[in-house]
Structures are given as C-alpha cells and as structure tokens.
Amino acid sequence: MGKPVFKIIDAKGRVTIPKAVRENSGIASGDVVTIIRGRGSIVVKKAFVLEEDKLSLSAKEAYAQAVLRELPQERLVVLLELAVRLLQEEG
C-alpha cells in the first residue's frame, strides 16, 4: 500500500481519486467501480460486472450483444475502435 492521500469531500459528497492511485489500481475513465462500506472505512475497487455475476460465457455474450444493440451509433463506433485497439495490443 502506498502513502496515504488526503482529499476533501465536496458539498455533494464527491472526492477525486488521484491519477497515480487510479493508474496503480487499474481504474480508468469510464470504468465502473464498486464502493463497499466498512467499519469506519470505504473501499473503492474496479468492478468487473460480468465476472462478479459468475455468468456463463454464453450469457455474457448475450448480455454484451443486448447492450450493443441499445447503443447510439456514434458510441458504438467509439467502442468498436477501442476493441480493435485492445486486440492489436494483445496480438
């Protein structure tokens, strides 16, 4: 664990997670996070929505297809470009 970081919570209850903390945690803009309340603490971690539900691969594919059908075309293009970029990084 790194050095403690102190932040002030704004009037709406928001706090900014510093870039270095996000990067070290694998959290990027647009990611979904899980917020877990503990005794006197809050844990924020990257959520893997489809993994946490322990869905079968076919159920995950069906979910992804349903989501893709609902997206506006311009958002779909952005996500497809991201998918291509990720595939190129792996290959």
C-alpha atoms as a PDB file:
ATOM      1  CA  MET A   1       0.000   0.000   0.000  1.00  0.00           C
ATOM      2  CA  GLY A   2       1.272   3.479  -0.867  1.00  0.00           C
ATOM      3  CA  LYS A   3       1.448   6.678   1.108  1.00  0.00           C
ATOM      4  CA  PRO A   4      -1.838   7.997   2.472  1.00  0.00           C
ATOM      5  CA  VAL A   5      -3.544  10.615   0.293  1.00  0.00           C
ATOM      6  CA  PHE A   6      -5.774  13.184   1.966  1.00  0.00           C
ATOM      7  CA  LYS A   7      -8.682  14.683  -0.009  1.00  0.00           C
ATOM      8  CA  ILE A   8     -11.594  16.918   0.943  1.00  0.00           C
ATOM      9  CA  ILE A   9     -15.103  15.712   0.170  1.00  0.00           C
ATOM     10  CA  ASP A  10     -17.145  18.405  -1.586  1.00  0.00           C
ATOM     11  CA  ALA A  11     -20.683  19.509  -0.713  1.00  0.00           C
ATOM     12  CA  LYS A  12     -22.161  16.814  -2.990  1.00  0.00           C
ATOM     13  CA  GLY A  13     -20.169  14.053  -1.292  1.00  0.00           C
ATOM     14  CA  ARG A  14     -17.672  13.691  -4.137  1.00  0.00           C
ATOM     15  CA  VAL A  15     -13.955  13.084  -3.903  1.00  0.00           C
ATOM     16  CA  THR A  16     -11.407  12.934  -6.703  1.00  0.00           C
ATOM     17  CA  ILE A  17      -9.234   9.824  -6.818  1.00  0.00           C
ATOM     18  CA  PRO A  18      -5.721  10.992  -7.756  1.00  0.00           C
ATOM     19  CA  LYS A  19      -4.385   9.881 -11.138  1.00  0.00           C
ATOM     20  CA  ALA A  20      -1.496   7.867  -9.656  1.00  0.00           C
ATOM     21  CA  VAL A  21      -3.901   5.949  -7.396  1.00  0.00           C
ATOM     22  CA  ARG A  22      -6.269   5.241 -10.315  1.00  0.00           C
ATOM     23  CA  GLU A  23      -3.409   4.068 -12.528  1.00  0.00           C
ATOM     24  CA  ASN A  24      -1.930   1.829  -9.827  1.00  0.00           C
ATOM     25  CA  SER A  25      -5.390   0.352  -9.238  1.00  0.00           C
ATOM     26  CA  GLY A  26      -6.099  -0.242 -12.917  1.00  0.00           C
ATOM     27  CA  ILE A  27      -9.030   2.181 -12.858  1.00  0.00           C
ATOM     28  CA  ALA A  28      -9.561   4.360 -15.930  1.00  0.00           C
ATOM     29  CA  SER A  29     -12.085   6.958 -17.006  1.00  0.00           C
ATOM     30  CA  GLY A  30     -15.388   5.287 -17.819  1.00  0.00           C
ATOM     31  CA  ASP A  31     -14.754   2.225 -15.623  1.00  0.00           C
ATOM     32  CA  VAL A  32     -17.379   1.061 -13.166  1.00  0.00           C
ATOM     33  CA  VAL A  33     -16.298   0.868  -9.532  1.00  0.00           C
ATOM     34  CA  THR A  34     -17.720  -0.945  -6.543  1.00  0.00           C
ATOM     35  CA  ILE A  35     -17.986   1.020  -3.303  1.00  0.00           C
ATOM     36  CA  ILE A  36     -18.005  -1.094  -0.166  1.00  0.00           C
ATOM     37  CA  ARG A  37     -18.744   0.358   3.253  1.00  0.00           C
ATOM     38  CA  GLY A  38     -16.784  -0.989   6.198  1.00  0.00           C
ATOM     39  CA  ARG A  39     -16.485  -0.022   9.815  1.00  0.00           C
ATOM     40  CA  GLY A  40     -15.150   3.488   9.547  1.00  0.00           C
ATOM     41  CA  SER A  41     -13.851   2.939   6.035  1.00  0.00           C
ATOM     42  CA  ILE A  42     -14.866   2.900   2.395  1.00  0.00           C
ATOM     43  CA  VAL A  43     -13.252   0.620  -0.194  1.00  0.00           C
ATOM     44  CA  VAL A  44     -13.428   1.589  -3.858  1.00  0.00           C
ATOM     45  CA  LYS A  45     -12.358  -1.031  -6.375  1.00  0.00           C
ATOM     46  CA  LYS A  46     -12.704  -1.634 -10.078  1.00  0.00           C
ATOM     47  CA  ALA A  47     -15.832  -3.627 -10.814  1.00  0.00           C
ATOM     48  CA  PHE A  48     -15.976  -6.459 -13.287  1.00  0.00           C
ATOM     49  CA  VAL A  49     -19.734  -6.530 -13.695  1.00  0.00           C
ATOM     50  CA  LEU A  50     -19.931  -9.651 -15.843  1.00  0.00           C
ATOM     51  CA  GLU A  51     -17.357 -11.553 -13.783  1.00  0.00           C
ATOM     52  CA  GLU A  52     -18.937 -10.775 -10.429  1.00  0.00           C
ATOM     53  CA  ASP A  53     -22.255 -12.254 -11.545  1.00  0.00           C
ATOM     54  CA  LYS A  54     -20.456 -15.500 -12.436  1.00  0.00           C
ATOM     55  CA  LEU A  55     -22.407 -15.740 -15.681  1.00  0.00           C
ATOM     56  CA  SER A  56     -21.681 -18.423 -18.257  1.00  0.00           C
ATOM     57  CA  LEU A  57     -19.787 -17.333 -21.368  1.00  0.00           C
ATOM     58  CA  SER A  58     -22.945 -17.601 -23.495  1.00  0.00           C
ATOM     59  CA  ALA A  59     -24.860 -15.440 -21.005  1.00  0.00           C
ATOM     60  CA  LYS A  60     -22.050 -12.843 -21.069  1.00  0.00           C
ATOM     61  CA  GLU A  61     -22.118 -12.800 -24.877  1.00  0.00           C
ATOM     62  CA  ALA A  62     -25.896 -12.391 -24.911  1.00  0.00           C
ATOM     63  CA  TYR A  63     -25.623  -9.541 -22.409  1.00  0.00           C
ATOM     64  CA  ALA A  64     -22.928  -7.811 -24.490  1.00  0.00           C
ATOM     65  CA  GLN A  65     -24.989  -8.177 -27.670  1.00  0.00           C
ATOM     66  CA  ALA A  66     -28.067  -6.733 -25.985  1.00  0.00           C
ATOM     67  CA  VAL A  67     -26.063  -3.745 -24.722  1.00  0.00           C
ATOM     68  CA  LEU A  68     -24.512  -3.149 -28.148  1.00  0.00           C
ATOM     69  CA  ARG A  69     -27.945  -3.131 -29.819  1.00  0.00           C
ATOM     70  CA  GLU A  70     -29.079  -0.347 -27.468  1.00  0.00           C
ATOM     71  CA  LEU A  71     -26.121   1.989 -28.053  1.00  0.00           C
ATOM     72  CA  PRO A  72     -26.324   5.020 -30.308  1.00  0.00           C
ATOM     73  CA  GLN A  73     -24.256   4.547 -33.463  1.00  0.00           C
ATOM     74  CA  GLU A  74     -21.624   7.150 -32.537  1.00  0.00           C
ATOM     75  CA  ARG A  75     -20.980   5.476 -29.160  1.00  0.00           C
ATOM     76  CA  LEU A  76     -20.831   2.070 -30.820  1.00  0.00           C
ATOM     77  CA  VAL A  77     -18.146   3.348 -33.226  1.00  0.00           C
ATOM     78  CA  VAL A  78     -16.060   4.597 -30.273  1.00  0.00           C
ATOM     79  CA  LEU A  79     -16.332   1.223 -28.525  1.00  0.00           C
ATOM     80  CA  LEU A  80     -15.504  -0.699 -31.688  1.00  0.00           C
ATOM     81  CA  GLU A  81     -12.381   1.419 -32.152  1.00  0.00           C
ATOM     82  CA  LEU A  82     -11.412   0.628 -28.562  1.00  0.00           C
ATOM     83  CA  ALA A  83     -11.994  -3.088 -29.165  1.00  0.00           C
ATOM     84  CA  VAL A  84      -9.758  -3.027 -32.249  1.00  0.00           C
ATOM     85  CA  ARG A  85      -7.040  -1.165 -30.332  1.00  0.00           C
ATOM     86  CA  LEU A  86      -7.176  -3.701 -27.479  1.00  0.00           C
ATOM     87  CA  LEU A  87      -6.976  -6.602 -29.920  1.00  0.00           C
ATOM     88  CA  GLN A  88      -3.979  -5.045 -31.620  1.00  0.00           C
ATOM     89  CA  GLU A  89      -2.220  -4.635 -28.252  1.00  0.00           C
ATOM     90  CA  GLU A  90      -2.763  -8.326 -27.460  1.00  0.00           C
ATOM     91  CA  GLY A  91      -1.707  -9.606 -30.880  1.00  0.00           C
END
